[in-house]
Amino acid sequence: MRAGHFKAAIFDMDGLLIDSERAISQAWIAGARELGFDLKMADFVRVIGTAAQQSTAMLIEIMGSEERMRAVAAKARALLPQAGGAPVFPLKTGALPLLESLHAAGIPCAVASSSSVDEIRHRLGHVDVLKYFKCIAGGNEVTHGKPDPALYLLAAARLGVAPEDCIAFEDSENGARAAQSAGVRVVIVPDLKQPPDDVAARAHGVIGSLGDAIDHVPHWFPSL
């Protein structure tokens, strides 16, 4: 793991803080199968980490029509665990201990997620970690989603910290590229897919879980 001096931390949400990408992908594949369409995991993985408008367009292309995509989406949604009429997912291993460690150290944190602000608040509120974040940047607030840097630039601006003074945590290639394009150093915690060699080579590190980052907190934030 590389050394570095940072002032704030920015987190992706789906597949990083919460175990959602696996459940969502399995629900889409199962929903497609019920409708007689063979949706491959390799195809769905392309969608991960992109904003709603982009992911919708990609899914329409994969499935051949908007009608088929919407039918599969409805099937998939019905297969996901619900609370208050919206999907819910558990925290990923190591997420809470890392957030607690950063909170105790007084490090400001933000969320930069392709999900909408309402989805972010619902999903993180359900697992009681919203209190650890100073601000949120959602995919519905920017014109271009990940891998465009806009979400990370927005999150850094709301933190009041220069992008180069932030460290990001991401699970997906699109998210890592977004952070890197914004000038934010990124630690990759792979979920469904390992990062490409070029993304991994430019990363601050690649770790197995968020919990693996805890021992590095004092080295990343020299004010501690």
C-alpha atoms as a PDB file:
ATOM      1  CA  MET A   1       0.000   0.000   0.000  1.00  0.00           C
ATOM      2  CA  ARG A   2       1.364   3.419  -0.942  1.00  0.00           C
ATOM      3  CA  ALA A   3       1.876   6.229   1.537  1.00  0.00           C
ATOM      4  CA  GLY A   4      -0.072   9.453   1.210  1.00  0.00           C
ATOM      5  CA  HIS A   5      -1.277  12.502   3.063  1.00  0.00           C
ATOM      6  CA  PHE A   6      -5.018  13.160   2.815  1.00  0.00           C
ATOM      7  CA  LYS A   7      -7.638  15.357   4.471  1.00  0.00           C
ATOM      8  CA  ALA A   8     -10.899  13.559   3.600  1.00  0.00           C
ATOM      9  CA  ALA A   9     -12.313  10.258   2.370  1.00  0.00           C
ATOM     10  CA  ILE A  10     -14.912   9.604  -0.338  1.00  0.00           C
ATOM     11  CA  PHE A  11     -16.825   6.337  -0.643  1.00  0.00           C
ATOM     12  CA  ASP A  12     -18.749   4.678  -3.411  1.00  0.00           C
ATOM     13  CA  MET A  13     -21.870   2.895  -2.110  1.00  0.00           C
ATOM     14  CA  ASP A  14     -23.140  -0.093  -4.114  1.00  0.00           C
ATOM     15  CA  GLY A  15     -20.788  -3.057  -3.945  1.00  0.00           C
ATOM     16  CA  LEU A  16     -18.466  -1.185  -1.583  1.00  0.00           C
ATOM     17  CA  LEU A  17     -20.347  -0.034   1.528  1.00  0.00           C
ATOM     18  CA  ILE A  18     -23.339  -2.297   0.961  1.00  0.00           C
ATOM     19  CA  ASP A  19     -23.556  -5.757  -0.589  1.00  0.00           C
ATOM     20  CA  SER A  20     -25.948  -4.767  -3.358  1.00  0.00           C
ATOM     21  CA  GLU A  21     -24.262  -5.433  -6.711  1.00  0.00           C
ATOM     22  CA  ARG A  22     -24.283  -9.212  -6.269  1.00  0.00           C
ATOM     23  CA  ALA A  23     -27.956  -9.304  -5.256  1.00  0.00           C
ATOM     24  CA  ILE A  24     -28.980  -6.896  -8.026  1.00  0.00           C
ATOM     25  CA  SER A  25     -27.097  -8.762 -10.752  1.00  0.00           C
ATOM     26  CA  GLN A  26     -28.521 -12.121  -9.644  1.00  0.00           C
ATOM     27  CA  ALA A  27     -32.042 -10.653  -9.581  1.00  0.00           C
ATOM     28  CA  TRP A  28     -31.657  -9.268 -13.117  1.00  0.00           C
ATOM     29  CA  ILE A  29     -30.290 -12.571 -14.430  1.00  0.00           C
ATOM     30  CA  ALA A  30     -33.099 -14.533 -12.740  1.00  0.00           C
ATOM     31  CA  GLY A  31     -35.736 -12.062 -13.929  1.00  0.00           C
ATOM     32  CA  ALA A  32     -34.443 -12.264 -17.486  1.00  0.00           C
ATOM     33  CA  ARG A  33     -34.479 -16.058 -17.320  1.00  0.00           C
ATOM     34  CA  GLU A  34     -38.149 -16.038 -16.240  1.00  0.00           C
ATOM     35  CA  LEU A  35     -38.926 -14.048 -19.377  1.00  0.00           C
ATOM     36  CA  GLY A  36     -36.911 -16.385 -21.608  1.00  0.00           C
ATOM     37  CA  PHE A  37     -33.892 -14.111 -22.049  1.00  0.00           C
ATOM     38  CA  ASP A  38     -30.368 -15.311 -21.288  1.00  0.00           C
ATOM     39  CA  LEU A  39     -28.667 -12.379 -19.574  1.00  0.00           C
ATOM     40  CA  LYS A  40     -24.982 -13.099 -18.948  1.00  0.00           C
ATOM     41  CA  MET A  41     -23.122 -11.894 -15.864  1.00  0.00           C
ATOM     42  CA  ALA A  42     -20.335 -10.638 -18.138  1.00  0.00           C
ATOM     43  CA  ASP A  43     -22.854  -8.355 -19.865  1.00  0.00           C
ATOM     44  CA  PHE A  44     -24.409  -7.086 -16.638  1.00  0.00           C
ATOM     45  CA  VAL A  45     -21.017  -6.331 -15.084  1.00  0.00           C
ATOM     46  CA  ARG A  46     -20.486  -3.709 -17.819  1.00  0.00           C
ATOM     47  CA  VAL A  47     -23.352  -1.711 -16.291  1.00  0.00           C
ATOM     48  CA  ILE A  48     -21.980  -1.649 -12.733  1.00  0.00           C
ATOM     49  CA  GLY A  49     -20.844   1.744 -11.511  1.00  0.00           C
ATOM     50  CA  THR A  50     -22.649   3.786 -14.167  1.00  0.00           C
ATOM     51  CA  ALA A  51     -25.388   6.350 -13.572  1.00  0.00           C
ATOM     52  CA  ALA A  52     -29.049   5.457 -14.147  1.00  0.00           C
ATOM     53  CA  GLN A  53     -29.369   7.095 -17.577  1.00  0.00           C
ATOM     54  CA  GLN A  54     -26.246   5.364 -18.891  1.00  0.00           C
ATOM     55  CA  SER A  55     -27.051   1.990 -17.338  1.00  0.00           C
ATOM     56  CA  THR A  56     -30.586   2.093 -18.747  1.00  0.00           C
ATOM     57  CA  ALA A  57     -29.258   2.754 -22.249  1.00  0.00           C
ATOM     58  CA  MET A  58     -26.728  -0.073 -21.898  1.00  0.00           C
ATOM     59  CA  LEU A  59     -29.374  -2.536 -20.662  1.00  0.00           C
ATOM     60  CA  ILE A  60     -31.683  -1.641 -23.552  1.00  0.00           C
ATOM     61  CA  GLU A  61     -28.802  -2.353 -25.935  1.00  0.00           C
ATOM     62  CA  ILE A  62     -27.992  -5.670 -24.217  1.00  0.00           C
ATOM     63  CA  MET A  63     -31.616  -6.833 -24.223  1.00  0.00           C
ATOM     64  CA  GLY A  64     -32.600  -5.526 -27.615  1.00  0.00           C
ATOM     65  CA  SER A  65     -35.525  -3.311 -26.655  1.00  0.00           C
ATOM     66  CA  GLU A  66     -36.770  -0.905 -23.992  1.00  0.00           C
ATOM     67  CA  GLU A  67     -39.905  -3.024 -23.508  1.00  0.00           C
ATOM     68  CA  ARG A  68     -37.882  -6.128 -22.686  1.00  0.00           C
ATOM     69  CA  MET A  69     -35.525  -4.165 -20.412  1.00  0.00           C
ATOM     70  CA  ARG A  70     -38.427  -2.698 -18.411  1.00  0.00           C
ATOM     71  CA  ALA A  71     -40.088  -6.110 -18.094  1.00  0.00           C
ATOM     72  CA  VAL A  72     -36.876  -7.630 -16.734  1.00  0.00           C
ATOM     73  CA  ALA A  73     -36.364  -4.643 -14.414  1.00  0.00           C
ATOM     74  CA  ALA A  74     -39.806  -5.200 -12.900  1.00  0.00           C
ATOM     75  CA  LYS A  75     -39.072  -8.905 -12.385  1.00  0.00           C
ATOM     76  CA  ALA A  76     -35.693  -8.115 -10.821  1.00  0.00           C
ATOM     77  CA  ARG A  77     -37.124  -5.520  -8.448  1.00  0.00           C
ATOM     78  CA  ALA A  78     -39.722  -8.021  -7.220  1.00  0.00           C
ATOM     79  CA  LEU A  79     -36.937 -10.488  -6.374  1.00  0.00           C
ATOM     80  CA  LEU A  80     -34.967  -8.044  -4.193  1.00  0.00           C
ATOM     81  CA  PRO A  81     -35.466  -7.642  -0.413  1.00  0.00           C
ATOM     82  CA  GLN A  82     -37.644  -4.608   0.285  1.00  0.00           C
ATOM     83  CA  ALA A  83     -38.255  -2.150   3.107  1.00  0.00           C
ATOM     84  CA  GLY A  84     -40.535   0.832   2.759  1.00  0.00           C
ATOM     85  CA  GLY A  85     -41.124  -0.065  -0.886  1.00  0.00           C
ATOM     86  CA  ALA A  86     -37.455   0.129  -1.889  1.00  0.00           C
ATOM     87  CA  PRO A  87     -34.584  -2.409  -2.044  1.00  0.00           C
ATOM     88  CA  VAL A  88     -32.373  -2.858   1.026  1.00  0.00           C
ATOM     89  CA  PHE A  89     -28.955  -4.461   1.372  1.00  0.00           C
ATOM     90  CA  PRO A  90     -26.559  -5.359   4.226  1.00  0.00           C
ATOM     91  CA  LEU A  91     -23.276  -3.609   5.000  1.00  0.00           C
ATOM     92  CA  LYS A  92     -20.150  -5.109   3.479  1.00  0.00           C
ATOM     93  CA  THR A  93     -17.468  -6.638   5.694  1.00  0.00           C
ATOM     94  CA  GLY A  94     -15.208  -3.996   7.223  1.00  0.00           C
ATOM     95  CA  ALA A  95     -17.370  -1.009   6.281  1.00  0.00           C
ATOM     96  CA  LEU A  96     -18.568  -0.084   9.760  1.00  0.00           C
ATOM     97  CA  PRO A  97     -15.180  -0.484  11.513  1.00  0.00           C
ATOM     98  CA  LEU A  98     -13.499   1.733   8.898  1.00  0.00           C
ATOM     99  CA  LEU A  99     -16.197   4.398   9.128  1.00  0.00           C
ATOM    100  CA  GLU A 100     -15.945   4.335  12.920  1.00  0.00           C
ATOM    101  CA  SER A 101     -12.161   4.659  12.723  1.00  0.00           C
ATOM    102  CA  LEU A 102     -12.362   7.671  10.409  1.00  0.00           C
ATOM    103  CA  HIS A 103     -15.101   9.259  12.522  1.00  0.00           C
ATOM    104  CA  ALA A 104     -13.072   8.845  15.692  1.00  0.00           C
ATOM    105  CA  ALA A 105     -10.116  10.493  13.957  1.00  0.00           C
ATOM    106  CA  GLY A 106     -12.241  13.455  12.839  1.00  0.00           C
ATOM    107  CA  ILE A 107     -11.816  12.727   9.134  1.00  0.00           C
ATOM    108  CA  PRO A 108     -14.689  14.146   7.026  1.00  0.00           C
ATOM    109  CA  CYS A 109     -16.286  11.586   4.709  1.00  0.00           C
ATOM    110  CA  ALA A 110     -18.563  11.797   1.670  1.00  0.00           C
ATOM    111  CA  VAL A 111     -20.487   9.409  -0.566  1.00  0.00           C
ATOM    112  CA  ALA A 112     -20.064   9.634  -4.355  1.00  0.00           C
ATOM    113  CA  SER A 113     -22.506   7.108  -5.801  1.00  0.00           C
ATOM    114  CA  SER A 114     -24.142   6.583  -9.178  1.00  0.00           C
ATOM    115  CA  SER A 115     -27.386   5.909  -7.292  1.00  0.00           C
ATOM    116  CA  SER A 116     -29.758   8.808  -6.726  1.00  0.00           C
ATOM    117  CA  VAL A 117     -29.583  10.856  -3.534  1.00  0.00           C
ATOM    118  CA  ASP A 118     -32.887   9.343  -2.349  1.00  0.00           C
ATOM    119  CA  GLU A 119     -31.555   5.812  -2.938  1.00  0.00           C
ATOM    120  CA  ILE A 120     -28.341   6.644  -1.093  1.00  0.00           C
ATOM    121  CA  ARG A 121     -30.217   8.011   1.908  1.00  0.00           C
ATOM    122  CA  HIS A 122     -32.602   5.044   1.967  1.00  0.00           C
ATOM    123  CA  ARG A 123     -29.962   2.332   1.606  1.00  0.00           C
ATOM    124  CA  LEU A 124     -27.419   3.823   4.006  1.00  0.00           C
ATOM    125  CA  GLY A 125     -30.121   4.891   6.423  1.00  0.00           C
ATOM    126  CA  HIS A 126     -31.386   1.309   6.544  1.00  0.00           C
ATOM    127  CA  VAL A 127     -27.977   0.145   7.819  1.00  0.00           C
ATOM    128  CA  ASP A 128     -27.563   3.213  10.072  1.00  0.00           C
ATOM    129  CA  VAL A 129     -24.367   4.694   8.623  1.00  0.00           C
ATOM    130  CA  LEU A 130     -25.608   7.997   7.175  1.00  0.00           C
ATOM    131  CA  LYS A 131     -24.376   9.745  10.332  1.00  0.00           C
ATOM    132  CA  TYR A 132     -20.772   9.066   9.286  1.00  0.00           C
ATOM    133  CA  PHE A 133     -21.008  11.208   6.145  1.00  0.00           C
ATOM    134  CA  LYS A 134     -20.679  14.970   5.989  1.00  0.00           C
ATOM    135  CA  CYS A 135     -22.191  15.101   2.502  1.00  0.00           C
ATOM    136  CA  ILE A 136     -23.555  13.063  -0.412  1.00  0.00           C
ATOM    137  CA  ALA A 137     -23.138  13.349  -4.181  1.00  0.00           C
ATOM    138  CA  GLY A 138     -25.654  11.312  -6.181  1.00  0.00           C
ATOM    139  CA  GLY A 139     -25.796  10.252  -9.805  1.00  0.00           C
ATOM    140  CA  ASN A 140     -28.981  12.282 -10.363  1.00  0.00           C
ATOM    141  CA  GLU A 141     -27.055  15.479  -9.561  1.00  0.00           C
ATOM    142  CA  VAL A 142     -24.563  15.340 -12.436  1.00  0.00           C
ATOM    143  CA  THR A 143     -24.956  15.329 -16.203  1.00  0.00           C
ATOM    144  CA  HIS A 144     -22.377  12.599 -16.753  1.00  0.00           C
ATOM    145  CA  GLY A 145     -21.976   9.614 -14.430  1.00  0.00           C
ATOM    146  CA  LYS A 146     -18.940   7.475 -13.695  1.00  0.00           C
ATOM    147  CA  PRO A 147     -16.393   7.011 -15.272  1.00  0.00           C
ATOM    148  CA  ASP A 148     -16.734  10.785 -15.777  1.00  0.00           C
ATOM    149  CA  PRO A 149     -15.094  12.640 -12.851  1.00  0.00           C
ATOM    150  CA  ALA A 150     -18.106  14.901 -12.149  1.00  0.00           C
ATOM    151  CA  LEU A 151     -19.380  12.960  -9.106  1.00  0.00           C
ATOM    152  CA  TYR A 152     -16.000  13.026  -7.420  1.00  0.00           C
ATOM    153  CA  LEU A 153     -15.473  16.691  -8.165  1.00  0.00           C
ATOM    154  CA  LEU A 154     -18.900  17.417  -6.664  1.00  0.00           C
ATOM    155  CA  ALA A 155     -18.182  15.361  -3.536  1.00  0.00           C
ATOM    156  CA  ALA A 156     -14.807  17.055  -3.003  1.00  0.00           C
ATOM    157  CA  ALA A 157     -16.376  20.488  -3.466  1.00  0.00           C
ATOM    158  CA  ARG A 158     -19.044  19.706  -0.874  1.00  0.00           C
ATOM    159  CA  LEU A 159     -16.374  18.492   1.529  1.00  0.00           C
ATOM    160  CA  GLY A 160     -14.489  21.738   0.953  1.00  0.00           C
ATOM    161  CA  VAL A 161     -11.332  19.756   0.189  1.00  0.00           C
ATOM    162  CA  ALA A 162      -9.235  19.747  -2.999  1.00  0.00           C
ATOM    163  CA  PRO A 163      -9.601  16.492  -4.988  1.00  0.00           C
ATOM    164  CA  GLU A 164      -5.898  15.718  -4.637  1.00  0.00           C
ATOM    165  CA  ASP A 165      -6.310  15.870  -0.843  1.00  0.00           C
ATOM    166  CA  CYS A 166      -9.019  13.183  -0.873  1.00  0.00           C
ATOM    167  CA  ILE A 167      -8.700   9.414  -0.856  1.00  0.00           C
ATOM    168  CA  ALA A 168     -11.488   7.378  -2.451  1.00  0.00           C
ATOM    169  CA  PHE A 169     -12.710   3.825  -1.961  1.00  0.00           C
ATOM    170  CA  GLU A 170     -14.213   2.084  -4.986  1.00  0.00           C
ATOM    171  CA  ASP A 171     -15.117  -1.448  -6.052  1.00  0.00           C
ATOM    172  CA  SER A 172     -15.719  -0.973  -9.788  1.00  0.00           C
ATOM    173  CA  GLU A 173     -13.586  -0.066 -12.779  1.00  0.00           C
ATOM    174  CA  ASN A 174     -15.920   2.788 -13.741  1.00  0.00           C
ATOM    175  CA  GLY A 175     -15.757   4.220 -10.238  1.00  0.00           C
ATOM    176  CA  ALA A 176     -11.987   3.933 -10.002  1.00  0.00           C
ATOM    177  CA  ARG A 177     -11.561   5.650 -13.367  1.00  0.00           C
ATOM    178  CA  ALA A 178     -13.906   8.444 -12.237  1.00  0.00           C
ATOM    179  CA  ALA A 179     -11.853   9.082  -9.101  1.00  0.00           C
ATOM    180  CA  GLN A 180      -8.573   8.955 -10.994  1.00  0.00           C
ATOM    181  CA  SER A 181      -9.865  11.373 -13.645  1.00  0.00           C
ATOM    182  CA  ALA A 182     -10.861  13.788 -10.869  1.00  0.00           C
ATOM    183  CA  GLY A 183      -7.368  13.708  -9.398  1.00  0.00           C
ATOM    184  CA  VAL A 184      -8.486  11.683  -6.363  1.00  0.00           C
ATOM    185  CA  ARG A 185      -6.258   8.800  -5.225  1.00  0.00           C
ATOM    186  CA  VAL A 186      -8.307   5.602  -5.088  1.00  0.00           C
ATOM    187  CA  VAL A 187      -8.116   2.386  -3.104  1.00  0.00           C
ATOM    188  CA  ILE A 188      -9.895  -0.412  -4.955  1.00  0.00           C
ATOM    189  CA  VAL A 189     -11.857  -3.065  -3.061  1.00  0.00           C
ATOM    190  CA  PRO A 190     -12.994  -5.444  -5.846  1.00  0.00           C
ATOM    191  CA  ASP A 191     -16.491  -6.884  -5.600  1.00  0.00           C
ATOM    192  CA  LEU A 192     -17.713  -8.755  -8.689  1.00  0.00           C
ATOM    193  CA  LYS A 193     -14.759  -8.029 -10.934  1.00  0.00           C
ATOM    194  CA  GLN A 194     -11.024  -7.403 -10.565  1.00  0.00           C
ATOM    195  CA  PRO A 195      -9.803  -4.037 -11.902  1.00  0.00           C
ATOM    196  CA  PRO A 196      -7.986  -3.928 -15.255  1.00  0.00           C
ATOM    197  CA  ASP A 197      -4.200  -3.776 -15.024  1.00  0.00           C
ATOM    198  CA  ASP A 198      -3.994  -0.107 -16.029  1.00  0.00           C
ATOM    199  CA  VAL A 199      -6.507   0.960 -13.355  1.00  0.00           C
ATOM    200  CA  ALA A 200      -4.854  -1.168 -10.663  1.00  0.00           C
ATOM    201  CA  ALA A 201      -1.414   0.194 -11.549  1.00  0.00           C
ATOM    202  CA  ARG A 202      -2.584   3.777 -10.974  1.00  0.00           C
ATOM    203  CA  ALA A 203      -4.497   2.929  -7.778  1.00  0.00           C
ATOM    204  CA  HIS A 204      -3.284   3.860  -4.310  1.00  0.00           C
ATOM    205  CA  GLY A 205      -3.792   0.206  -3.463  1.00  0.00           C
ATOM    206  CA  VAL A 206      -5.993  -2.852  -4.041  1.00  0.00           C
ATOM    207  CA  ILE A 207      -7.334  -4.546  -0.882  1.00  0.00           C
ATOM    208  CA  GLY A 208      -9.653  -7.411  -0.020  1.00  0.00           C
ATOM    209  CA  SER A 209     -12.088  -5.538   2.226  1.00  0.00           C
ATOM    210  CA  LEU A 210     -12.606  -2.093   3.722  1.00  0.00           C
ATOM    211  CA  GLY A 211     -11.421  -3.493   7.028  1.00  0.00           C
ATOM    212  CA  ASP A 212      -7.963  -3.921   5.505  1.00  0.00           C
ATOM    213  CA  ALA A 213      -7.698  -0.121   5.284  1.00  0.00           C
ATOM    214  CA  ILE A 214      -8.034   0.537   9.024  1.00  0.00           C
ATOM    215  CA  ASP A 215      -4.355   0.032   9.866  1.00  0.00           C
ATOM    216  CA  HIS A 216      -3.418   2.535   7.146  1.00  0.00           C
ATOM    217  CA  VAL A 217      -5.599   5.379   8.477  1.00  0.00           C
ATOM    218  CA  PRO A 218      -2.856   6.919  10.685  1.00  0.00           C
ATOM    219  CA  HIS A 219      -0.432   6.907   7.731  1.00  0.00           C
ATOM    220  CA  TRP A 220      -2.922   8.389   5.263  1.00  0.00           C
ATOM    221  CA  PHE A 221      -4.012  11.198   7.565  1.00  0.00           C
ATOM    222  CA  PRO A 222      -0.839  12.698   9.108  1.00  0.00           C
ATOM    223  CA  SER A 223      -2.814  15.110  11.303  1.00  0.00           C
ATOM    224  CA  LEU A 224      -3.696  12.153  13.558  1.00  0.00           C
END
